[in-house]
C-alpha atoms as a PDB file:
ATOM      1  CA  UNK A   1      45.324  18.253  48.377  1.00  0.00           C
ATOM      2  CA  UNK A   2      43.345  21.402  48.878  1.00  0.00           C
ATOM      3  CA  UNK A   3      40.371  22.680  46.913  1.00  0.00           C
ATOM      4  CA  UNK A   4      42.779  25.076  45.214  1.00  0.00           C
ATOM      5  CA  UNK A   5      45.094  22.306  43.955  1.00  0.00           C
ATOM      6  CA  UNK A   6      43.296  21.554  40.666  1.00  0.00           C
ATOM      7  CA  UNK A   7      43.435  25.205  39.629  1.00  0.00           C
ATOM      8  CA  UNK A   8      47.133  25.458  40.474  1.00  0.00           C
ATOM      9  CA  UNK A   9      47.892  22.311  38.481  1.00  0.00           C
ATOM     10  CA  UNK A  10      45.802  23.535  35.531  1.00  0.00           C
ATOM     11  CA  UNK A  11      47.614  26.886  35.488  1.00  0.00           C
ATOM     12  CA  UNK A  12      50.989  25.195  35.822  1.00  0.00           C
ATOM     13  CA  UNK A  13      50.296  22.939  32.855  1.00  0.00           C
ATOM     14  CA  UNK A  14      49.264  25.882  30.697  1.00  0.00           C
ATOM     15  CA  UNK A  15      52.312  27.909  31.712  1.00  0.00           C
ATOM     16  CA  UNK A  16      54.714  25.016  31.166  1.00  0.00           C
ATOM     17  CA  UNK A  17      53.216  24.366  27.729  1.00  0.00           C
ATOM     18  CA  UNK A  18      53.768  28.026  26.847  1.00  0.00           C
ATOM     19  CA  UNK A  19      57.316  27.929  28.167  1.00  0.00           C
ATOM     20  CA  UNK A  20      58.058  24.749  26.215  1.00  0.00           C
ATOM     21  CA  UNK A  21      56.733  26.324  23.024  1.00  0.00           C
ATOM     22  CA  UNK A  22      58.828  29.446  23.641  1.00  0.00           C
ATOM     23  CA  UNK A  23      62.011  27.459  24.326  1.00  0.00           C
ATOM     24  CA  UNK A  24      61.461  25.214  21.307  1.00  0.00           C
ATOM     25  CA  UNK A  25      60.955  28.266  19.112  1.00  0.00           C
ATOM     26  CA  UNK A  26      64.078  29.948  20.506  1.00  0.00           C
ATOM     27  CA  UNK A  27      66.198  26.862  19.951  1.00  0.00           C
ATOM     28  CA  UNK A  28      65.012  26.508  16.345  1.00  0.00           C
ATOM     29  CA  UNK A  29      65.703  30.115  15.339  1.00  0.00           C
ATOM     30  CA  UNK A  30      68.635  30.459  12.919  1.00  0.00           C
ATOM     31  CA  UNK A  31      70.122  33.345  14.900  1.00  0.00           C
ATOM     32  CA  UNK A  32      70.289  31.186  18.043  1.00  0.00           C
ATOM     33  CA  UNK A  33      73.451  29.416  16.917  1.00  0.00           C
ATOM     34  CA  UNK A  34      75.259  32.702  16.308  1.00  0.00           C
ATOM     35  CA  UNK A  35      73.919  34.817  19.181  1.00  0.00           C
ATOM     36  CA  UNK A  36      73.464  32.422  22.083  1.00  0.00           C
ATOM     37  CA  UNK A  37      76.533  30.783  23.557  1.00  0.00           C
ATOM     38  CA  UNK A  38      76.611  27.006  23.473  1.00  0.00           C
ATOM     39  CA  UNK A  39      76.094  26.849  27.246  1.00  0.00           C
ATOM     40  CA  UNK A  40      72.839  28.845  27.009  1.00  0.00           C
ATOM     41  CA  UNK A  41      71.542  26.726  24.132  1.00  0.00           C
ATOM     42  CA  UNK A  42      72.321  23.629  26.157  1.00  0.00           C
ATOM     43  CA  UNK A  43      70.449  25.053  29.162  1.00  0.00           C
ATOM     44  CA  UNK A  44      67.431  25.800  26.973  1.00  0.00           C
ATOM     45  CA  UNK A  45      67.460  22.245  25.642  1.00  0.00           C
ATOM     46  CA  UNK A  46      67.796  20.813  29.157  1.00  0.00           C
ATOM     47  CA  UNK A  47      64.914  22.963  30.387  1.00  0.00           C
ATOM     48  CA  UNK A  48      62.810  21.795  27.459  1.00  0.00           C
ATOM     49  CA  UNK A  49      63.647  18.180  28.255  1.00  0.00           C
ATOM     50  CA  UNK A  50      62.741  18.692  31.912  1.00  0.00           C
ATOM     51  CA  UNK A  51      59.407  20.223  30.945  1.00  0.00           C
ATOM     52  CA  UNK A  52      58.714  17.340  28.566  1.00  0.00           C
ATOM     53  CA  UNK A  53      59.157  14.941  31.504  1.00  0.00           C
ATOM     54  CA  UNK A  54      57.184  17.043  33.985  1.00  0.00           C
ATOM     55  CA  UNK A  55      54.151  17.822  31.816  1.00  0.00           C
ATOM     56  CA  UNK A  56      52.907  14.221  31.459  1.00  0.00           C
ATOM     57  CA  UNK A  57      53.254  13.744  35.216  1.00  0.00           C
ATOM     58  CA  UNK A  58      51.218  16.873  35.944  1.00  0.00           C
ATOM     59  CA  UNK A  59      48.632  15.816  33.379  1.00  0.00           C
ATOM     60  CA  UNK A  60      48.364  12.423  35.101  1.00  0.00           C
ATOM     61  CA  UNK A  61      47.753  14.172  38.426  1.00  0.00           C
ATOM     62  CA  UNK A  62      45.166  16.372  36.722  1.00  0.00           C
ATOM     63  CA  UNK A  63      43.339  13.298  35.371  1.00  0.00           C
ATOM     64  CA  UNK A  64      43.538  11.535  38.733  1.00  0.00           C
ATOM     65  CA  UNK A  65      42.023  14.537  40.474  1.00  0.00           C
ATOM     66  CA  UNK A  66      39.225  14.680  37.946  1.00  0.00           C
ATOM     67  CA  UNK A  67      38.416  11.048  38.705  1.00  0.00           C
ATOM     68  CA  UNK A  68      38.876  11.224  42.482  1.00  0.00           C
ATOM     69  CA  UNK A  69      35.838  10.346  44.607  1.00  0.00           C
ATOM     70  CA  UNK A  70      35.979  13.700  46.413  1.00  0.00           C
ATOM     71  CA  UNK A  71      35.369  15.545  43.141  1.00  0.00           C
ATOM     72  CA  UNK A  72      32.884  13.119  41.651  1.00  0.00           C
ATOM     73  CA  UNK A  73      29.189  13.937  41.955  1.00  0.00           C
ATOM     74  CA  UNK A  74      27.554  12.226  44.879  1.00  0.00           C
ATOM     75  CA  UNK A  75      25.569   9.121  44.122  1.00  0.00           C
ATOM     76  CA  UNK A  76      22.936   7.265  45.989  1.00  0.00           C
ATOM     77  CA  UNK A  77      24.532   4.006  47.218  1.00  0.00           C
ATOM     78  CA  UNK A  78      21.211   2.128  47.009  1.00  0.00           C
ATOM     79  CA  UNK A  79      20.066   3.453  43.639  1.00  0.00           C
ATOM     80  CA  UNK A  80      20.721   1.645  40.367  1.00  0.00           C
ATOM     81  CA  UNK A  81      22.480   4.258  38.220  1.00  0.00           C
END
């Protein structure tokens, strides 16, 4: 991964969280059942489900990058820290 990867993953997580909140809000609105066709409501629910699967995976990558040796501060191999 490049140096830019953590920032891209961070932004993606934030944007997906916003999108999930938006879709959840849209689905829960009372007017949704009368205005949106069933097919569109189903697509919104499927997108929300997909995001709910993807977010934990991205967050796991984010945590792994934070713990990766390349990003960790350098340590003296002979020092007792």
